[in-house]
């Protein structure tokens, strides 16, 4: 006899016991399913409770990111504005300061008479931006102390970033002032 025939015979002889056993088995299966469902709901609630603070933290992080981005944007705008102002304060690249033309104009405005302008040395240095040329001129002029100092001040201010004064020699008794003018450019300074 096979197993199905034995099972069928047992069911016919004791139907209540079989139904009761089957009911108990179904009750255990139902309890197991209900237990799993309860566990899922409980886990889901716990995850939802944990998710709320995470979402709040995430929103705070997003807000901080937006505020930080705004601050960085303001800093970038400020830096760009400063860069533009700095770039505009530099002389045009390659435009040498014309000591002959401009120097005589400033001397005349200072009531100083330029008696001689002599070109000294020229040094060329290779840089990343191209050649950098430093030219030295010796200026001699006649004028009182205050006008000579005024001329020096005007030259330094007029040639800001491209001009420097060296070896300044003023003799108030003879009304003579002489000095070297050092000009930096990326092109050679033309002689008059």
Protein backbone atom coordinates (compact mmCIF):
# COMPACT_ATOMS: atom_id res chain seq x y z
CA UNK A 1 0.00 0.00 0.00
CA UNK A 2 1.15 3.36 -0.77
CA UNK A 3 1.15 6.38 1.47
CA UNK A 4 -1.89 8.03 -0.11
CA UNK A 5 -4.06 5.02 0.49
CA UNK A 6 -2.93 4.82 4.12
CA UNK A 7 -3.66 8.50 4.61
CA UNK A 8 -7.11 8.18 3.04
CA UNK A 9 -7.93 5.23 5.24
CA UNK A 10 -6.83 7.09 8.37
CA UNK A 11 -9.01 10.06 7.42
CA UNK A 12 -12.07 7.82 6.97
CA UNK A 13 -11.58 5.99 10.25
CA UNK A 14 -10.88 9.09 12.42
CA UNK A 15 -12.12 12.18 10.58
CA UNK A 16 -12.33 14.35 13.72
CA UNK A 17 -8.75 13.64 14.77
CA UNK A 18 -7.49 14.44 11.27
CA UNK A 19 -9.53 17.67 11.11
CA UNK A 20 -8.33 18.62 14.59
CA UNK A 21 -4.68 17.93 13.64
CA UNK A 22 -5.13 19.88 10.43
CA UNK A 23 -6.72 22.79 12.38
CA UNK A 24 -3.79 22.82 14.82
CA UNK A 25 -1.31 22.85 11.95
CA UNK A 26 -3.19 25.73 10.28
CA UNK A 27 -3.34 27.59 13.60
CA UNK A 28 0.45 27.31 13.97
CA UNK A 29 0.95 28.47 10.39
CA UNK A 30 -1.47 31.37 10.96
CA UNK A 31 0.34 32.31 14.21
CA UNK A 32 3.66 32.24 12.42
CA UNK A 33 2.29 34.47 9.60
CA UNK A 34 0.71 36.86 12.13
CA UNK A 35 3.97 36.96 14.11
CA UNK A 36 5.95 37.83 10.97
CA UNK A 37 3.40 40.49 10.04
CA UNK A 38 3.53 41.96 13.56
CA UNK A 39 7.34 41.94 13.45
CA UNK A 40 7.30 43.75 10.07
CA UNK A 41 4.91 46.41 11.37
CA UNK A 42 7.01 46.93 14.46
CA UNK A 43 10.19 47.17 12.38
CA UNK A 44 8.46 49.53 9.96
CA UNK A 45 7.38 51.80 12.85
CA UNK A 46 10.89 51.73 14.30
CA UNK A 47 12.38 52.59 10.91
CA UNK A 48 9.85 55.40 10.46
CA UNK A 49 10.76 56.77 13.89
CA UNK A 50 14.46 56.58 12.98
CA UNK A 51 13.80 58.12 9.57
CA UNK A 52 12.21 61.30 10.95
CA UNK A 53 15.40 62.57 12.72
CA UNK A 54 17.45 61.59 9.68
CA UNK A 55 15.16 63.62 7.40
CA UNK A 56 15.37 66.58 9.81
CA UNK A 57 19.18 66.29 9.85
CA UNK A 58 19.22 66.01 6.05
CA UNK A 59 17.13 69.19 5.73
CA UNK A 60 19.45 70.98 8.16
CA UNK A 61 22.44 69.86 6.09
CA UNK A 62 20.78 71.08 2.90
CA UNK A 63 20.04 74.42 4.56
CA UNK A 64 23.65 74.69 5.77
CA UNK A 65 24.83 73.81 2.26
CA UNK A 66 22.65 76.56 0.74
CA UNK A 67 23.87 79.11 3.30
CA UNK A 68 27.47 78.02 2.81
CA UNK A 69 27.07 78.28 -0.96
CA UNK A 70 25.63 81.79 -0.60
CA UNK A 71 28.56 82.81 1.63
CA UNK A 72 31.05 81.30 -0.81
CA UNK A 73 29.32 83.07 -3.71
CA UNK A 74 29.60 86.38 -1.85
CA UNK A 75 33.29 85.70 -1.17
CA UNK A 76 33.88 84.77 -4.82
CA UNK A 77 32.09 87.92 -6.00
CA UNK A 78 34.15 90.02 -3.58
CA UNK A 79 37.38 88.35 -4.71
CA UNK A 80 36.46 88.83 -8.38
CA UNK A 81 35.67 92.50 -7.78
CA UNK A 82 38.99 92.91 -5.98
CA UNK A 83 40.77 91.12 -8.82
CA UNK A 84 39.18 93.43 -11.38
CA UNK A 85 40.23 96.49 -9.39
CA UNK A 86 43.76 95.13 -8.99
CA UNK A 87 44.01 94.28 -12.69
CA UNK A 88 42.84 97.76 -13.63
CA UNK A 89 45.47 99.32 -11.34
CA UNK A 90 48.29 97.63 -13.26
CA UNK A 91 49.61 99.36 -16.33
CA UNK A 92 48.92 97.83 -19.70
CA UNK A 93 51.30 94.94 -20.23
CA UNK A 94 54.02 95.98 -22.58
CA UNK A 95 53.37 99.72 -22.34
CA UNK A 96 56.64 101.28 -21.14
CA UNK A 97 56.61 104.49 -19.17
CA UNK A 98 57.87 107.27 -21.43
CA UNK A 99 60.26 109.06 -19.11
CA UNK A 100 61.19 111.61 -21.77
CA UNK A 101 57.73 112.92 -22.61
CA UNK A 102 56.02 112.39 -19.26
CA UNK A 103 59.10 113.26 -17.20
CA UNK A 104 59.43 116.68 -18.84
CA UNK A 105 55.68 117.32 -18.37
CA UNK A 106 55.88 116.51 -14.65
CA UNK A 107 59.07 118.57 -14.24
CA UNK A 108 57.39 121.55 -15.87
CA UNK A 109 54.34 121.10 -13.59
CA UNK A 110 56.71 121.05 -10.57
CA UNK A 111 58.61 124.17 -11.67
CA UNK A 112 61.78 122.13 -12.09
CA UNK A 113 63.97 122.42 -15.17
CA UNK A 114 65.37 119.13 -16.47
CA UNK A 115 68.94 119.72 -17.63
CA UNK A 116 69.76 116.21 -18.81
CA UNK A 117 68.33 112.74 -19.22
CA UNK A 118 70.82 109.94 -19.84
CA UNK A 119 69.92 106.38 -20.60
CA UNK A 120 71.83 103.96 -18.43
CA UNK A 121 71.72 100.19 -18.47
CA UNK A 122 69.02 97.91 -19.86
CA UNK A 123 68.57 94.42 -18.43
CA UNK A 124 66.31 91.81 -20.08
CA UNK A 125 65.05 88.90 -18.00
CA UNK A 126 63.00 86.01 -19.38
CA UNK A 127 59.90 85.30 -17.28
CA UNK A 128 56.86 83.08 -17.64
CA UNK A 129 54.92 86.02 -19.12
CA UNK A 130 57.69 86.93 -21.54
CA UNK A 131 60.70 89.20 -21.39
CA UNK A 132 60.84 91.72 -18.54
CA UNK A 133 62.95 94.74 -19.39
CA UNK A 134 64.46 97.00 -16.74
CA UNK A 135 65.89 100.28 -18.03
CA UNK A 136 67.73 102.85 -15.91
CA UNK A 137 67.84 106.57 -16.71
CA UNK A 138 69.77 109.34 -14.94
CA UNK A 139 67.85 112.61 -14.62
CA UNK A 140 69.47 115.87 -13.60
CA UNK A 141 67.42 118.95 -12.96
CA UNK A 142 67.61 122.43 -11.52
CA UNK A 143 65.11 123.61 -8.93
CA UNK A 144 64.60 124.39 -5.28
CA UNK A 145 64.23 121.64 -2.66
CA UNK A 146 60.42 121.63 -2.44
CA UNK A 147 59.85 121.53 -6.24
CA UNK A 148 62.46 118.75 -6.58
CA UNK A 149 60.70 116.71 -3.90
CA UNK A 150 57.41 117.43 -5.65
CA UNK A 151 58.84 116.10 -8.93
CA UNK A 152 60.04 112.93 -7.18
CA UNK A 153 56.61 112.43 -5.65
CA UNK A 154 54.83 113.01 -8.98
CA UNK A 155 57.12 110.58 -10.81
CA UNK A 156 56.63 107.85 -8.22
CA UNK A 157 52.88 108.32 -8.16
CA UNK A 158 52.55 108.62 -11.95
CA UNK A 159 54.63 105.52 -12.67
CA UNK A 160 53.13 103.40 -9.89
CA UNK A 161 53.98 99.68 -10.36
CA UNK A 162 56.38 100.32 -13.28
CA UNK A 163 58.78 102.96 -12.02
CA UNK A 164 61.18 103.26 -9.12
CA UNK A 165 63.58 106.00 -8.08
CA UNK A 166 67.13 105.25 -6.93
CA UNK A 167 70.27 107.17 -5.96
CA UNK A 168 68.47 110.42 -5.23
CA UNK A 169 70.91 113.30 -4.76
CA UNK A 170 69.63 116.78 -3.90
CA UNK A 171 71.92 119.79 -3.39
CA UNK A 172 69.71 122.67 -2.18
CA UNK A 173 72.62 125.15 -2.15
CA UNK A 174 73.20 124.72 -5.89
CA UNK A 175 69.48 124.02 -6.58
CA UNK A 176 70.44 120.70 -8.20
CA UNK A 177 68.66 117.39 -7.86
CA UNK A 178 69.62 114.23 -9.65
CA UNK A 179 68.31 110.69 -9.43
CA UNK A 180 68.08 107.43 -11.32
CA UNK A 181 64.74 106.33 -12.67
CA UNK A 182 64.28 102.58 -13.09
CA UNK A 183 61.47 101.60 -15.46
CA UNK A 184 60.11 98.08 -15.80
CA UNK A 185 58.22 97.06 -18.94
CA UNK A 186 57.82 94.26 -21.43
CA UNK A 187 58.94 96.44 -24.37
CA UNK A 188 62.05 98.51 -24.85
CA UNK A 189 61.76 102.18 -23.88
CA UNK A 190 62.37 104.36 -26.91
CA UNK A 191 64.90 107.13 -26.80
CA UNK A 192 63.66 110.67 -27.65
